[in-house]
Amino acid sequence: MKKIALILLVFGLCLIEVSAKGVVNKNQCSNKGKNFIFTGGECIEFYEASADRKGILNIIVHGTWKEGTNVLGRYSTFADDLAIQTDITTVAIALPGYSSSSTNELKALSSGKYLASTKEYIEFLAHLVESLQKKYKASTINYIGHSAGAAMGATLMGYKTGLVTNMICVGGYYDIHKINNNKELISAVDYLDSIDKNANLLLIYGTKDKISKQEVTKEFYNLTKNYAFKSSLVEVKGAEHLDLDMTDTSVEKIVELLEEK
């Protein structure tokens, strides 16, 4: 009996250890260093490329990758490039489950279908952007999102009106209801009436993108025009979905927009 009790005790401790694995509280997050921020219940790692213009911040948000992918390893060079060309401090963030970001409450985007279209994720993204805005004392937020990051960004524009000044969406999707009938999911089309008409929206698509087909972006662009948004459309010829945001054409148009603001 004693042996059985001991085994059960050890097993219980193991369960506790497993359940706590990966959970990072606010104090632990602070101890990780300056490139971590605790917000929305998560400890988020980010990469910072500093620049001189004050009161403005570029935020790069990635799309869906396999859980555990070091997205900051991919996006650090992109952040450096934008910071140099725009002279605006640029941060690339790793969403929960990527690089060294926690998964306290949210799972990695790849762990389930359409997580980027849940209110929970959009609410978290709003907290993250607000926290970065406060940290960098920025009155102007420029959001650069790719794929699921673009989808969430477009939704965020209406979900949290006025938070983002310049929204760049690359290879995203904007009407979840055309691909899924779950009424609890949300996307940009649900918040068109709430989007700030003074915000700038840049939509970029690749002609060979098979994940976010060009018709999806074109259709959303036409819809924004019906609402008199300050939107513009960019075609990247021959570009596929992967790294569409980092193509020469995309970077040129992103910099062009941000240099004017």
C-alpha atoms as a PDB file:
ATOM      1  CA  MET A   1       0.000   0.000   0.000  1.00  0.00           C
ATOM      2  CA  LYS A   2       2.829   2.361   0.880  1.00  0.00           C
ATOM      3  CA  LYS A   3       4.422   1.677  -2.508  1.00  0.00           C
ATOM      4  CA  ILE A   4       1.151   2.422  -4.266  1.00  0.00           C
ATOM      5  CA  ALA A   5       0.707   5.660  -2.311  1.00  0.00           C
ATOM      6  CA  LEU A   6       4.254   6.700  -3.184  1.00  0.00           C
ATOM      7  CA  ILE A   7       3.696   5.980  -6.859  1.00  0.00           C
ATOM      8  CA  LEU A   8       0.487   7.990  -6.847  1.00  0.00           C
ATOM      9  CA  LEU A   9       2.241  10.888  -5.120  1.00  0.00           C
ATOM     10  CA  VAL A  10       5.061  10.916  -7.666  1.00  0.00           C
ATOM     11  CA  PHE A  11       2.550  10.659 -10.510  1.00  0.00           C
ATOM     12  CA  GLY A  12       0.569  13.580  -9.097  1.00  0.00           C
ATOM     13  CA  LEU A  13       3.679  15.716  -8.796  1.00  0.00           C
ATOM     14  CA  CYS A  14       4.556  14.904 -12.380  1.00  0.00           C
ATOM     15  CA  LEU A  15       1.115  16.049 -13.498  1.00  0.00           C
ATOM     16  CA  ILE A  16       1.541  19.316 -11.625  1.00  0.00           C
ATOM     17  CA  GLU A  17       4.933  19.838 -13.231  1.00  0.00           C
ATOM     18  CA  VAL A  18       3.579  19.123 -16.711  1.00  0.00           C
ATOM     19  CA  SER A  19       0.557  21.368 -16.242  1.00  0.00           C
ATOM     20  CA  ALA A  20       2.793  24.232 -15.132  1.00  0.00           C
ATOM     21  CA  LYS A  21       5.337  23.769 -17.909  1.00  0.00           C
ATOM     22  CA  GLY A  22       5.500  26.798 -20.179  1.00  0.00           C
ATOM     23  CA  VAL A  23       3.483  29.045 -17.855  1.00  0.00           C
ATOM     24  CA  VAL A  24       5.274  32.323 -17.257  1.00  0.00           C
ATOM     25  CA  ASN A  25       3.954  34.857 -14.758  1.00  0.00           C
ATOM     26  CA  LYS A  26       4.539  38.611 -14.816  1.00  0.00           C
ATOM     27  CA  ASN A  27       7.581  38.576 -12.533  1.00  0.00           C
ATOM     28  CA  GLN A  28       9.212  35.742 -14.440  1.00  0.00           C
ATOM     29  CA  CYS A  29       8.560  37.592 -17.663  1.00  0.00           C
ATOM     30  CA  SER A  30      10.242  40.731 -16.345  1.00  0.00           C
ATOM     31  CA  ASN A  31      13.301  38.685 -15.429  1.00  0.00           C
ATOM     32  CA  LYS A  32      13.638  37.432 -19.000  1.00  0.00           C
ATOM     33  CA  GLY A  33      14.959  40.789 -20.155  1.00  0.00           C
ATOM     34  CA  LYS A  34      14.067  43.936 -22.054  1.00  0.00           C
ATOM     35  CA  ASN A  35      12.815  42.092 -25.131  1.00  0.00           C
ATOM     36  CA  PHE A  36       9.859  40.553 -23.297  1.00  0.00           C
ATOM     37  CA  ILE A  37       6.566  42.172 -22.367  1.00  0.00           C
ATOM     38  CA  PHE A  38       3.775  40.760 -20.211  1.00  0.00           C
ATOM     39  CA  THR A  39       0.343  41.604 -21.549  1.00  0.00           C
ATOM     40  CA  GLY A  40      -3.013  39.921 -21.952  1.00  0.00           C
ATOM     41  CA  GLY A  41      -1.849  37.153 -19.618  1.00  0.00           C
ATOM     42  CA  GLU A  42       1.074  36.207 -21.875  1.00  0.00           C
ATOM     43  CA  CYS A  43       4.819  36.800 -21.813  1.00  0.00           C
ATOM     44  CA  ILE A  44       5.612  37.925 -25.347  1.00  0.00           C
ATOM     45  CA  GLU A  45       9.069  38.036 -26.878  1.00  0.00           C
ATOM     46  CA  PHE A  46       9.794  40.728 -29.441  1.00  0.00           C
ATOM     47  CA  TYR A  47      12.701  42.016 -31.509  1.00  0.00           C
ATOM     48  CA  GLU A  48      13.446  45.733 -31.517  1.00  0.00           C
ATOM     49  CA  ALA A  49      15.108  47.694 -34.289  1.00  0.00           C
ATOM     50  CA  SER A  50      15.620  51.218 -32.948  1.00  0.00           C
ATOM     51  CA  ALA A  51      15.348  54.424 -34.975  1.00  0.00           C
ATOM     52  CA  ASP A  52      15.243  58.160 -34.355  1.00  0.00           C
ATOM     53  CA  ARG A  53      11.709  59.344 -35.214  1.00  0.00           C
ATOM     54  CA  LYS A  54       9.770  59.858 -32.011  1.00  0.00           C
ATOM     55  CA  GLY A  55       6.141  59.106 -31.236  1.00  0.00           C
ATOM     56  CA  ILE A  56       5.784  56.492 -33.995  1.00  0.00           C
ATOM     57  CA  LEU A  57       6.073  52.715 -33.815  1.00  0.00           C
ATOM     58  CA  ASN A  58       6.024  49.980 -36.465  1.00  0.00           C
ATOM     59  CA  ILE A  59       4.703  46.607 -35.273  1.00  0.00           C
ATOM     60  CA  ILE A  60       5.250  43.488 -37.389  1.00  0.00           C
ATOM     61  CA  VAL A  61       2.867  40.575 -36.783  1.00  0.00           C
ATOM     62  CA  HIS A  62       3.557  37.179 -38.338  1.00  0.00           C
ATOM     63  CA  GLY A  63       1.118  34.562 -39.575  1.00  0.00           C
ATOM     64  CA  THR A  64       0.625  30.867 -38.864  1.00  0.00           C
ATOM     65  CA  TRP A  65       3.757  28.781 -38.485  1.00  0.00           C
ATOM     66  CA  LYS A  66       4.396  25.422 -36.888  1.00  0.00           C
ATOM     67  CA  GLU A  67       4.306  25.816 -33.101  1.00  0.00           C
ATOM     68  CA  GLY A  68       7.735  26.602 -31.676  1.00  0.00           C
ATOM     69  CA  THR A  69       9.041  28.245 -34.853  1.00  0.00           C
ATOM     70  CA  ASN A  70      11.585  30.980 -34.192  1.00  0.00           C
ATOM     71  CA  VAL A  71       9.647  33.650 -36.069  1.00  0.00           C
ATOM     72  CA  LEU A  72      11.877  36.406 -34.712  1.00  0.00           C
ATOM     73  CA  GLY A  73      14.792  34.751 -36.438  1.00  0.00           C
ATOM     74  CA  ARG A  74      12.917  35.246 -39.701  1.00  0.00           C
ATOM     75  CA  TYR A  75      11.570  38.722 -39.018  1.00  0.00           C
ATOM     76  CA  SER A  76      14.512  40.457 -37.343  1.00  0.00           C
ATOM     77  CA  THR A  77      16.138  41.371 -40.677  1.00  0.00           C
ATOM     78  CA  PHE A  78      12.805  42.649 -41.997  1.00  0.00           C
ATOM     79  CA  ALA A  79      12.422  44.807 -38.879  1.00  0.00           C
ATOM     80  CA  ASP A  80      15.943  46.173 -39.289  1.00  0.00           C
ATOM     81  CA  ASP A  81      15.240  47.011 -42.924  1.00  0.00           C
ATOM     82  CA  LEU A  82      12.013  48.888 -42.150  1.00  0.00           C
ATOM     83  CA  ALA A  83      13.619  50.770 -39.269  1.00  0.00           C
ATOM     84  CA  ILE A  84      16.471  51.931 -41.475  1.00  0.00           C
ATOM     85  CA  GLN A  85      14.303  52.934 -44.418  1.00  0.00           C
ATOM     86  CA  THR A  86      11.552  54.677 -42.425  1.00  0.00           C
ATOM     87  CA  ASP A  87      13.658  55.880 -39.480  1.00  0.00           C
ATOM     88  CA  ILE A  88      10.871  54.518 -37.252  1.00  0.00           C
ATOM     89  CA  THR A  89      11.518  52.118 -34.373  1.00  0.00           C
ATOM     90  CA  THR A  90      10.207  48.735 -35.502  1.00  0.00           C
ATOM     91  CA  VAL A  91       9.323  45.739 -33.357  1.00  0.00           C
ATOM     92  CA  ALA A  92       8.609  42.228 -34.619  1.00  0.00           C
ATOM     93  CA  ILE A  93       6.529  40.257 -32.131  1.00  0.00           C
ATOM     94  CA  ALA A  94       6.268  36.520 -31.542  1.00  0.00           C
ATOM     95  CA  LEU A  95       2.695  35.486 -30.814  1.00  0.00           C
ATOM     96  CA  PRO A  96       2.009  32.852 -28.111  1.00  0.00           C
ATOM     97  CA  GLY A  97       3.783  29.588 -28.850  1.00  0.00           C
ATOM     98  CA  TYR A  98       6.448  31.094 -31.109  1.00  0.00           C
ATOM     99  CA  SER A  99      10.094  31.919 -30.389  1.00  0.00           C
ATOM    100  CA  SER A 100      10.161  32.209 -26.574  1.00  0.00           C
ATOM    101  CA  SER A 101       6.653  33.580 -26.074  1.00  0.00           C
ATOM    102  CA  SER A 102       4.460  31.831 -23.526  1.00  0.00           C
ATOM    103  CA  THR A 103       1.244  29.874 -23.981  1.00  0.00           C
ATOM    104  CA  ASN A 104      -0.316  30.677 -20.618  1.00  0.00           C
ATOM    105  CA  GLU A 105      -3.828  31.183 -21.938  1.00  0.00           C
ATOM    106  CA  LEU A 106      -3.584  31.179 -25.724  1.00  0.00           C
ATOM    107  CA  LYS A 107      -2.300  28.440 -27.991  1.00  0.00           C
ATOM    108  CA  ALA A 108      -0.119  28.840 -31.063  1.00  0.00           C
ATOM    109  CA  LEU A 109      -2.071  29.731 -34.195  1.00  0.00           C
ATOM    110  CA  SER A 110      -1.172  26.371 -35.745  1.00  0.00           C
ATOM    111  CA  SER A 111      -2.794  24.390 -32.914  1.00  0.00           C
ATOM    112  CA  GLY A 112      -6.333  24.876 -34.181  1.00  0.00           C
ATOM    113  CA  LYS A 113      -8.294  26.163 -37.146  1.00  0.00           C
ATOM    114  CA  TYR A 114      -9.203  29.843 -37.383  1.00  0.00           C
ATOM    115  CA  LEU A 115      -7.815  30.894 -33.996  1.00  0.00           C
ATOM    116  CA  ALA A 116      -6.930  34.219 -35.609  1.00  0.00           C
ATOM    117  CA  SER A 117     -10.661  34.821 -36.061  1.00  0.00           C
ATOM    118  CA  THR A 118     -11.638  34.370 -32.425  1.00  0.00           C
ATOM    119  CA  LYS A 119     -12.533  37.312 -30.207  1.00  0.00           C
ATOM    120  CA  GLU A 120     -10.092  35.963 -27.635  1.00  0.00           C
ATOM    121  CA  TYR A 121      -7.147  36.391 -29.997  1.00  0.00           C
ATOM    122  CA  ILE A 122      -8.257  39.791 -31.287  1.00  0.00           C
ATOM    123  CA  GLU A 123      -8.730  41.010 -27.728  1.00  0.00           C
ATOM    124  CA  PHE A 124      -5.257  39.770 -26.840  1.00  0.00           C
ATOM    125  CA  LEU A 125      -3.784  41.492 -29.890  1.00  0.00           C
ATOM    126  CA  ALA A 126      -5.440  44.750 -28.840  1.00  0.00           C
ATOM    127  CA  HIS A 127      -3.837  44.453 -25.372  1.00  0.00           C
ATOM    128  CA  LEU A 128      -0.452  43.720 -26.950  1.00  0.00           C
ATOM    129  CA  VAL A 129      -0.565  46.699 -29.313  1.00  0.00           C
ATOM    130  CA  GLU A 130      -1.724  48.995 -26.504  1.00  0.00           C
ATOM    131  CA  SER A 131       1.078  47.766 -24.234  1.00  0.00           C
ATOM    132  CA  LEU A 132       3.706  48.364 -26.922  1.00  0.00           C
ATOM    133  CA  GLN A 133       2.213  51.765 -27.641  1.00  0.00           C
ATOM    134  CA  LYS A 134       2.567  52.678 -23.975  1.00  0.00           C
ATOM    135  CA  LYS A 135       6.053  51.220 -23.679  1.00  0.00           C
ATOM    136  CA  TYR A 136       7.350  53.213 -26.652  1.00  0.00           C
ATOM    137  CA  LYS A 137       5.229  56.308 -25.945  1.00  0.00           C
ATOM    138  CA  ALA A 138       3.888  56.208 -29.482  1.00  0.00           C
ATOM    139  CA  SER A 139       0.946  58.287 -30.624  1.00  0.00           C
ATOM    140  CA  THR A 140       1.057  56.683 -34.087  1.00  0.00           C
ATOM    141  CA  ILE A 141       0.965  52.925 -34.596  1.00  0.00           C
ATOM    142  CA  ASN A 142       1.841  51.358 -37.938  1.00  0.00           C
ATOM    143  CA  TYR A 143       0.814  47.699 -38.120  1.00  0.00           C
ATOM    144  CA  ILE A 144       2.377  45.360 -40.679  1.00  0.00           C
ATOM    145  CA  GLY A 145       0.708  41.938 -40.743  1.00  0.00           C
ATOM    146  CA  HIS A 146       1.218  38.879 -42.921  1.00  0.00           C
ATOM    147  CA  SER A 147      -1.316  36.087 -43.491  1.00  0.00           C
ATOM    148  CA  ALA A 148      -3.134  35.434 -40.186  1.00  0.00           C
ATOM    149  CA  GLY A 149      -1.373  38.514 -38.817  1.00  0.00           C
ATOM    150  CA  ALA A 150      -2.968  40.537 -41.623  1.00  0.00           C
ATOM    151  CA  ALA A 151      -6.392  39.021 -40.979  1.00  0.00           C
ATOM    152  CA  MET A 152      -6.190  39.904 -37.284  1.00  0.00           C
ATOM    153  CA  GLY A 153      -4.908  43.389 -38.043  1.00  0.00           C
ATOM    154  CA  ALA A 154      -7.767  44.207 -40.397  1.00  0.00           C
ATOM    155  CA  THR A 155     -10.259  43.001 -37.787  1.00  0.00           C
ATOM    156  CA  LEU A 156      -8.487  44.980 -35.085  1.00  0.00           C
ATOM    157  CA  MET A 157      -9.025  48.212 -37.027  1.00  0.00           C
ATOM    158  CA  GLY A 158     -12.747  48.019 -36.354  1.00  0.00           C
ATOM    159  CA  TYR A 159     -12.673  46.043 -33.122  1.00  0.00           C
ATOM    160  CA  LYS A 160     -10.528  48.738 -31.470  1.00  0.00           C
ATOM    161  CA  THR A 161     -11.262  51.907 -33.392  1.00  0.00           C
ATOM    162  CA  GLY A 162      -8.424  54.421 -33.605  1.00  0.00           C
ATOM    163  CA  LEU A 163      -5.712  52.170 -32.192  1.00  0.00           C
ATOM    164  CA  VAL A 164      -3.858  51.780 -35.501  1.00  0.00           C
ATOM    165  CA  THR A 165      -3.121  54.726 -37.785  1.00  0.00           C
ATOM    166  CA  ASN A 166      -1.599  52.867 -40.728  1.00  0.00           C
ATOM    167  CA  MET A 167      -2.584  49.262 -41.421  1.00  0.00           C
ATOM    168  CA  ILE A 168      -0.608  47.146 -43.892  1.00  0.00           C
ATOM    169  CA  CYS A 169      -2.159  43.757 -44.629  1.00  0.00           C
ATOM    170  CA  VAL A 170      -0.207  41.283 -46.745  1.00  0.00           C
ATOM    171  CA  GLY A 171      -1.748  38.044 -47.982  1.00  0.00           C
ATOM    172  CA  GLY A 172      -4.571  38.024 -45.461  1.00  0.00           C
ATOM    173  CA  TYR A 173      -8.214  36.978 -45.376  1.00  0.00           C
ATOM    174  CA  TYR A 174     -10.997  39.343 -44.427  1.00  0.00           C
ATOM    175  CA  ASP A 175     -14.279  37.421 -44.411  1.00  0.00           C
ATOM    176  CA  ILE A 176     -14.080  34.262 -42.300  1.00  0.00           C
ATOM    177  CA  HIS A 177     -17.764  33.587 -42.906  1.00  0.00           C
ATOM    178  CA  LYS A 178     -17.081  32.553 -46.497  1.00  0.00           C
ATOM    179  CA  ILE A 179     -14.954  29.630 -45.336  1.00  0.00           C
ATOM    180  CA  ASN A 180     -16.491  28.727 -41.975  1.00  0.00           C
ATOM    181  CA  ASN A 181     -20.061  28.968 -40.644  1.00  0.00           C
ATOM    182  CA  ASN A 182     -19.124  29.247 -36.971  1.00  0.00           C
ATOM    183  CA  LYS A 183     -21.039  32.349 -35.898  1.00  0.00           C
ATOM    184  CA  GLU A 184     -18.661  33.001 -33.018  1.00  0.00           C
ATOM    185  CA  LEU A 185     -15.766  33.722 -35.387  1.00  0.00           C
ATOM    186  CA  ILE A 186     -15.112  37.313 -36.434  1.00  0.00           C
ATOM    187  CA  SER A 187     -13.234  39.121 -39.177  1.00  0.00           C
ATOM    188  CA  ALA A 188     -12.842  42.555 -40.738  1.00  0.00           C
ATOM    189  CA  VAL A 189     -16.170  42.520 -42.580  1.00  0.00           C
ATOM    190  CA  ASP A 190     -17.981  42.421 -39.231  1.00  0.00           C
ATOM    191  CA  TYR A 191     -16.531  45.773 -38.168  1.00  0.00           C
ATOM    192  CA  LEU A 192     -16.549  47.880 -41.332  1.00  0.00           C
ATOM    193  CA  ASP A 193     -18.875  50.427 -39.746  1.00  0.00           C
ATOM    194  CA  SER A 194     -16.444  50.966 -36.867  1.00  0.00           C
ATOM    195  CA  ILE A 195     -13.180  51.461 -38.784  1.00  0.00           C
ATOM    196  CA  ASP A 196     -11.718  54.960 -38.522  1.00  0.00           C
ATOM    197  CA  LYS A 197     -12.128  56.598 -41.937  1.00  0.00           C
ATOM    198  CA  ASN A 198      -8.929  58.588 -41.344  1.00  0.00           C
ATOM    199  CA  ALA A 199      -6.800  55.458 -40.997  1.00  0.00           C
ATOM    200  CA  ASN A 200      -4.761  54.305 -43.980  1.00  0.00           C
ATOM    201  CA  LEU A 201      -5.172  50.744 -45.230  1.00  0.00           C
ATOM    202  CA  LEU A 202      -2.646  49.169 -47.593  1.00  0.00           C
ATOM    203  CA  LEU A 203      -3.618  45.773 -49.025  1.00  0.00           C
ATOM    204  CA  ILE A 204      -0.959  43.660 -50.738  1.00  0.00           C
ATOM    205  CA  TYR A 205      -1.416  40.403 -52.646  1.00  0.00           C
ATOM    206  CA  GLY A 206       0.778  38.089 -54.689  1.00  0.00           C
ATOM    207  CA  THR A 207      -0.339  36.828 -58.087  1.00  0.00           C
ATOM    208  CA  LYS A 208       0.908  33.309 -57.302  1.00  0.00           C
ATOM    209  CA  ASP A 209      -0.332  33.169 -53.719  1.00  0.00           C
ATOM    210  CA  LYS A 210      -2.318  29.935 -53.389  1.00  0.00           C
ATOM    211  CA  ILE A 211      -3.072  30.369 -49.670  1.00  0.00           C
ATOM    212  CA  SER A 212      -4.556  33.857 -49.831  1.00  0.00           C
ATOM    213  CA  LYS A 213      -5.729  34.117 -53.417  1.00  0.00           C
ATOM    214  CA  GLN A 214      -5.641  37.532 -55.027  1.00  0.00           C
ATOM    215  CA  GLU A 215      -9.434  37.579 -55.449  1.00  0.00           C
ATOM    216  CA  VAL A 216      -9.808  37.635 -51.661  1.00  0.00           C
ATOM    217  CA  THR A 217      -7.791  40.835 -51.299  1.00  0.00           C
ATOM    218  CA  LYS A 218      -9.321  42.483 -54.374  1.00  0.00           C
ATOM    219  CA  GLU A 219     -12.824  41.800 -53.118  1.00  0.00           C
ATOM    220  CA  PHE A 220     -12.066  43.279 -49.703  1.00  0.00           C
ATOM    221  CA  TYR A 221     -10.417  46.300 -51.320  1.00  0.00           C
ATOM    222  CA  ASN A 222     -13.544  46.983 -53.387  1.00  0.00           C
ATOM    223  CA  LEU A 223     -15.629  46.647 -50.246  1.00  0.00           C
ATOM    224  CA  THR A 224     -13.495  49.218 -48.407  1.00  0.00           C
ATOM    225  CA  LYS A 225     -13.944  51.635 -51.276  1.00  0.00           C
ATOM    226  CA  ASN A 226     -17.701  51.350 -50.882  1.00  0.00           C
ATOM    227  CA  TYR A 227     -17.186  52.531 -47.304  1.00  0.00           C
ATOM    228  CA  ALA A 228     -14.934  55.395 -48.455  1.00  0.00           C
ATOM    229  CA  PHE A 229     -11.887  54.133 -46.590  1.00  0.00           C
ATOM    230  CA  LYS A 230      -8.431  55.488 -47.383  1.00  0.00           C
ATOM    231  CA  SER A 231      -7.332  52.181 -48.864  1.00  0.00           C
ATOM    232  CA  SER A 232      -4.911  51.237 -51.627  1.00  0.00           C
ATOM    233  CA  LEU A 233      -4.143  47.986 -53.421  1.00  0.00           C
ATOM    234  CA  VAL A 234      -0.742  46.597 -54.425  1.00  0.00           C
ATOM    235  CA  GLU A 235      -0.024  43.657 -56.694  1.00  0.00           C
ATOM    236  CA  VAL A 236       3.236  41.724 -56.416  1.00  0.00           C
ATOM    237  CA  LYS A 237       3.676  39.878 -59.671  1.00  0.00           C
ATOM    238  CA  GLY A 238       4.914  36.291 -59.460  1.00  0.00           C
ATOM    239  CA  ALA A 239       4.935  36.344 -55.636  1.00  0.00           C
ATOM    240  CA  GLU A 240       3.787  33.375 -53.575  1.00  0.00           C
ATOM    241  CA  HIS A 241       2.474  33.451 -49.992  1.00  0.00           C
ATOM    242  CA  LEU A 242       5.721  32.760 -48.144  1.00  0.00           C
ATOM    243  CA  ASP A 243       7.646  35.962 -47.358  1.00  0.00           C
ATOM    244  CA  LEU A 244       5.252  38.018 -49.494  1.00  0.00           C
ATOM    245  CA  ASP A 245       5.634  40.855 -47.011  1.00  0.00           C
ATOM    246  CA  MET A 246       9.406  40.899 -47.539  1.00  0.00           C
ATOM    247  CA  THR A 247       9.414  41.138 -51.329  1.00  0.00           C
ATOM    248  CA  ASP A 248      11.019  44.216 -52.888  1.00  0.00           C
ATOM    249  CA  THR A 249       7.652  45.490 -54.144  1.00  0.00           C
ATOM    250  CA  SER A 250       5.976  45.075 -50.748  1.00  0.00           C
ATOM    251  CA  VAL A 251       8.790  46.782 -48.864  1.00  0.00           C
ATOM    252  CA  GLU A 252       8.867  49.635 -51.366  1.00  0.00           C
ATOM    253  CA  LYS A 253       5.144  50.303 -50.969  1.00  0.00           C
ATOM    254  CA  ILE A 254       5.232  49.920 -47.176  1.00  0.00           C
ATOM    255  CA  VAL A 255       8.098  52.381 -46.872  1.00  0.00           C
ATOM    256  CA  GLU A 256       6.392  54.746 -49.296  1.00  0.00           C
ATOM    257  CA  LEU A 257       3.284  54.839 -47.106  1.00  0.00           C
ATOM    258  CA  LEU A 258       5.143  55.204 -43.818  1.00  0.00           C
ATOM    259  CA  GLU A 259       7.561  57.860 -45.027  1.00  0.00           C
ATOM    260  CA  GLU A 260       4.639  60.111 -45.854  1.00  0.00           C
ATOM    261  CA  LYS A 261       3.078  59.813 -42.396  1.00  0.00           C
END
